[in-house]
Amino acid sequence: MTKTLQFEKQTKTLIDDLKSVCANYGLGNDGNEFKIITQVFLYKFLNDKFVHEVKQIDPKIAKADNWEEDLKVTTPTITKCCSCN
């Protein structure tokens, strides 16, 4: 199976699973069902894009077993915004 067909199959499965969740909570065949599914896909796309870009910037993070923990260690924590007092 080509990567495109595999991706298409996984996407359809994800949509069906999301529709099932919406139907279980009373949102099946509702306008909000479309909004929920669209927002989930947007979040997933942005999250995957962020991870890809972070791994491109720092090879250490790209090679890490748990990139989230490694990112926390390498990124300084912002405790106070410069415009806040």
N, C-alpha and C. Protein backbone atom coordinates (compact mmCIF):
# COMPACT_ATOMS: atom_id res chain seq x y z
N MET A 1 0.85 -1.18 0.00
CA MET A 1 0.00 0.00 0.00
C MET A 1 0.89 1.24 0.00
N THR A 2 0.59 2.18 -0.88
CA THR A 2 1.40 3.39 -0.96
C THR A 2 1.12 4.27 0.26
N LYS A 3 2.04 5.19 0.49
CA LYS A 3 1.89 6.09 1.63
C LYS A 3 0.63 6.95 1.52
N THR A 4 0.31 7.35 0.31
CA THR A 4 -0.88 8.19 0.10
C THR A 4 -2.14 7.43 0.45
N LEU A 5 -2.25 6.20 0.01
CA LEU A 5 -3.43 5.39 0.31
C LEU A 5 -3.52 5.08 1.81
N GLN A 6 -2.37 4.81 2.40
CA GLN A 6 -2.34 4.54 3.84
C GLN A 6 -2.78 5.78 4.63
N PHE A 7 -2.28 6.94 4.23
CA PHE A 7 -2.66 8.20 4.88
C PHE A 7 -4.15 8.46 4.72
N GLU A 8 -4.66 8.22 3.52
CA GLU A 8 -6.09 8.42 3.26
C GLU A 8 -6.94 7.49 4.14
N LYS A 9 -6.52 6.24 4.27
CA LYS A 9 -7.25 5.28 5.09
C LYS A 9 -7.23 5.70 6.57
N GLN A 10 -6.07 6.14 7.06
CA GLN A 10 -5.97 6.58 8.44
C GLN A 10 -6.82 7.83 8.69
N THR A 11 -6.86 8.72 7.72
CA THR A 11 -7.66 9.94 7.85
C THR A 11 -9.15 9.60 7.92
N LYS A 12 -9.60 8.71 7.05
CA LYS A 12 -11.01 8.30 7.06
C LYS A 12 -11.37 7.60 8.37
N THR A 13 -10.46 6.79 8.89
CA THR A 13 -10.69 6.11 10.17
C THR A 13 -10.80 7.14 11.29
N LEU A 14 -9.92 8.14 11.28
CA LEU A 14 -9.96 9.19 12.30
C LEU A 14 -11.29 9.96 12.23
N ILE A 15 -11.73 10.29 11.03
CA ILE A 15 -13.00 11.00 10.86
C ILE A 15 -14.16 10.15 11.38
N ASP A 16 -14.16 8.87 11.03
CA ASP A 16 -15.23 7.99 11.51
C ASP A 16 -15.23 7.89 13.03
N ASP A 17 -14.05 7.80 13.64
CA ASP A 17 -13.96 7.75 15.10
C ASP A 17 -14.46 9.05 15.73
N LEU A 18 -14.10 10.19 15.14
CA LEU A 18 -14.57 11.47 15.66
C LEU A 18 -16.08 11.61 15.50
N LYS A 19 -16.62 11.14 14.38
CA LYS A 19 -18.07 11.18 14.19
C LYS A 19 -18.77 10.31 15.22
N SER A 20 -18.18 9.17 15.54
CA SER A 20 -18.75 8.29 16.54
C SER A 20 -18.78 8.96 17.91
N VAL A 21 -17.70 9.64 18.27
CA VAL A 21 -17.65 10.35 19.54
C VAL A 21 -18.71 11.45 19.56
N CYS A 22 -18.82 12.20 18.48
CA CYS A 22 -19.83 13.26 18.40
C CYS A 22 -21.23 12.68 18.54
N ALA A 23 -21.50 11.57 17.87
CA ALA A 23 -22.82 10.94 17.95
C ALA A 23 -23.11 10.45 19.36
N ASN A 24 -22.11 9.91 20.04
CA ASN A 24 -22.29 9.42 21.41
C ASN A 24 -22.64 10.54 22.38
N TYR A 25 -22.21 11.76 22.08
CA TYR A 25 -22.48 12.90 22.95
C TYR A 25 -23.57 13.82 22.41
N GLY A 26 -24.36 13.30 21.47
CA GLY A 26 -25.53 14.04 20.99
C GLY A 26 -25.24 15.10 19.95
N LEU A 27 -24.10 15.05 19.32
CA LEU A 27 -23.77 16.06 18.31
C LEU A 27 -23.75 15.49 16.90
N GLY A 28 -24.23 14.27 16.73
CA GLY A 28 -24.23 13.64 15.41
C GLY A 28 -25.15 14.37 14.44
N ASN A 29 -24.72 14.49 13.22
CA ASN A 29 -25.49 15.17 12.15
C ASN A 29 -25.89 16.59 12.56
N ASP A 30 -25.00 17.26 13.22
CA ASP A 30 -25.23 18.63 13.68
C ASP A 30 -24.13 19.51 13.09
N GLY A 31 -24.40 20.79 12.97
CA GLY A 31 -23.38 21.71 12.46
C GLY A 31 -22.15 21.75 13.34
N ASN A 32 -22.35 21.53 14.64
CA ASN A 32 -21.21 21.54 15.55
C ASN A 32 -20.29 20.34 15.35
N GLU A 33 -20.83 19.25 14.82
CA GLU A 33 -20.00 18.08 14.54
C GLU A 33 -18.90 18.46 13.53
N PHE A 34 -19.29 19.17 12.50
CA PHE A 34 -18.32 19.62 11.48
C PHE A 34 -17.27 20.52 12.11
N LYS A 35 -17.70 21.44 12.98
CA LYS A 35 -16.76 22.35 13.64
C LYS A 35 -15.77 21.59 14.50
N ILE A 36 -16.25 20.61 15.25
CA ILE A 36 -15.38 19.84 16.13
C ILE A 36 -14.35 19.07 15.32
N ILE A 37 -14.80 18.40 14.28
CA ILE A 37 -13.87 17.62 13.45
C ILE A 37 -12.86 18.53 12.77
N THR A 38 -13.29 19.68 12.28
CA THR A 38 -12.38 20.63 11.65
C THR A 38 -11.35 21.15 12.64
N GLN A 39 -11.79 21.47 13.86
CA GLN A 39 -10.86 21.98 14.87
C GLN A 39 -9.85 20.92 15.29
N VAL A 40 -10.27 19.67 15.38
CA VAL A 40 -9.34 18.60 15.74
C VAL A 40 -8.28 18.46 14.66
N PHE A 41 -8.69 18.49 13.39
CA PHE A 41 -7.71 18.38 12.31
C PHE A 41 -6.76 19.58 12.28
N LEU A 42 -7.29 20.77 12.53
CA LEU A 42 -6.44 21.96 12.56
C LEU A 42 -5.42 21.85 13.70
N TYR A 43 -5.88 21.45 14.88
CA TYR A 43 -4.97 21.28 16.01
C TYR A 43 -3.89 20.25 15.68
N LYS A 44 -4.30 19.11 15.11
CA LYS A 44 -3.33 18.06 14.77
C LYS A 44 -2.32 18.57 13.75
N PHE A 45 -2.78 19.27 12.74
CA PHE A 45 -1.87 19.81 11.73
C PHE A 45 -0.87 20.78 12.35
N LEU A 46 -1.36 21.72 13.17
CA LEU A 46 -0.47 22.71 13.78
C LEU A 46 0.51 22.05 14.75
N ASN A 47 0.04 21.06 15.49
CA ASN A 47 0.92 20.35 16.41
C ASN A 47 2.02 19.61 15.65
N ASP A 48 1.65 18.89 14.60
CA ASP A 48 2.63 18.16 13.80
C ASP A 48 3.62 19.11 13.14
N LYS A 49 3.14 20.25 12.67
CA LYS A 49 4.00 21.25 12.04
C LYS A 49 4.99 21.82 13.05
N PHE A 50 4.51 22.11 14.27
CA PHE A 50 5.37 22.61 15.33
C PHE A 50 6.47 21.61 15.66
N VAL A 51 6.09 20.36 15.83
CA VAL A 51 7.08 19.32 16.16
C VAL A 51 8.11 19.20 15.05
N HIS A 52 7.67 19.22 13.82
CA HIS A 52 8.59 19.12 12.68
C HIS A 52 9.58 20.29 12.68
N GLU A 53 9.08 21.50 12.88
CA GLU A 53 9.95 22.67 12.86
C GLU A 53 10.94 22.66 14.03
N VAL A 54 10.50 22.25 15.20
CA VAL A 54 11.40 22.19 16.36
C VAL A 54 12.51 21.17 16.11
N LYS A 55 12.15 20.05 15.52
CA LYS A 55 13.16 19.02 15.23
C LYS A 55 14.13 19.47 14.14
N GLN A 56 13.68 20.34 13.24
CA GLN A 56 14.58 20.87 12.21
C GLN A 56 15.58 21.85 12.81
N ILE A 57 15.16 22.59 13.82
CA ILE A 57 16.02 23.60 14.44
C ILE A 57 17.09 22.98 15.32
N ASP A 58 16.70 21.98 16.12
CA ASP A 58 17.62 21.40 17.09
C ASP A 58 17.77 19.90 16.86
N PRO A 59 18.93 19.46 16.34
CA PRO A 59 19.15 18.04 16.07
C PRO A 59 19.11 17.19 17.34
N LYS A 60 19.46 17.79 18.48
CA LYS A 60 19.43 17.06 19.74
C LYS A 60 17.99 16.64 20.06
N ILE A 61 17.05 17.53 19.84
CA ILE A 61 15.65 17.23 20.08
C ILE A 61 15.15 16.20 19.07
N ALA A 62 15.62 16.30 17.85
CA ALA A 62 15.20 15.35 16.81
C ALA A 62 15.62 13.93 17.15
N LYS A 63 16.74 13.77 17.81
CA LYS A 63 17.24 12.44 18.15
C LYS A 63 16.74 11.94 19.50
N ALA A 64 16.09 12.79 20.27
CA ALA A 64 15.65 12.43 21.62
C ALA A 64 14.53 11.40 21.57
N ASP A 65 14.52 10.51 22.56
CA ASP A 65 13.43 9.54 22.68
C ASP A 65 12.13 10.22 23.07
N ASN A 66 12.22 11.20 23.97
CA ASN A 66 11.05 11.95 24.40
C ASN A 66 11.32 13.43 24.12
N TRP A 67 10.94 13.88 22.94
CA TRP A 67 11.28 15.25 22.51
C TRP A 67 10.64 16.30 23.40
N GLU A 68 9.47 16.02 23.98
CA GLU A 68 8.80 17.02 24.83
C GLU A 68 9.61 17.31 26.08
N GLU A 69 10.12 16.26 26.72
CA GLU A 69 10.93 16.45 27.93
C GLU A 69 12.23 17.16 27.59
N ASP A 70 12.83 16.80 26.47
CA ASP A 70 14.08 17.43 26.06
C ASP A 70 13.86 18.91 25.73
N LEU A 71 12.72 19.23 25.16
CA LEU A 71 12.39 20.62 24.85
C LEU A 71 12.21 21.43 26.13
N LYS A 72 11.58 20.83 27.14
CA LYS A 72 11.40 21.52 28.42
C LYS A 72 12.74 21.85 29.06
N VAL A 73 13.69 20.94 28.94
CA VAL A 73 15.00 21.15 29.55
C VAL A 73 15.79 22.23 28.82
N THR A 74 15.69 22.26 27.50
CA THR A 74 16.50 23.19 26.72
C THR A 74 15.88 24.57 26.57
N THR A 75 14.57 24.68 26.82
CA THR A 75 13.88 25.96 26.66
C THR A 75 13.76 26.65 28.02
N PRO A 76 14.26 27.89 28.13
CA PRO A 76 14.11 28.59 29.40
C PRO A 76 12.64 28.91 29.67
N THR A 77 12.26 28.85 30.91
CA THR A 77 10.88 29.15 31.29
C THR A 77 10.71 30.65 31.40
N ILE A 78 9.67 31.16 30.78
CA ILE A 78 9.36 32.59 30.87
C ILE A 78 8.47 32.78 32.08
N THR A 79 8.99 33.51 33.05
CA THR A 79 8.23 33.70 34.29
C THR A 79 7.53 35.04 34.30
N LYS A 80 8.01 36.00 33.53
CA LYS A 80 7.44 37.32 33.55
C LYS A 80 7.60 37.97 32.18
N CYS A 81 6.53 38.49 31.68
CA CYS A 81 6.55 39.18 30.39
C CYS A 81 7.20 40.57 30.61
N CYS A 82 7.91 41.05 29.63
CA CYS A 82 8.59 42.33 29.77
C CYS A 82 7.62 43.50 29.95
N SER A 83 6.38 43.36 29.43
CA SER A 83 5.42 44.45 29.57
C SER A 83 4.58 44.35 30.84
N CYS A 84 4.75 43.24 31.58
CA CYS A 84 3.99 43.05 32.82
C CYS A 84 4.81 43.55 34.01
N ASN A 85 4.15 44.02 35.01
CA ASN A 85 4.81 44.45 36.24
C ASN A 85 4.33 43.65 37.41
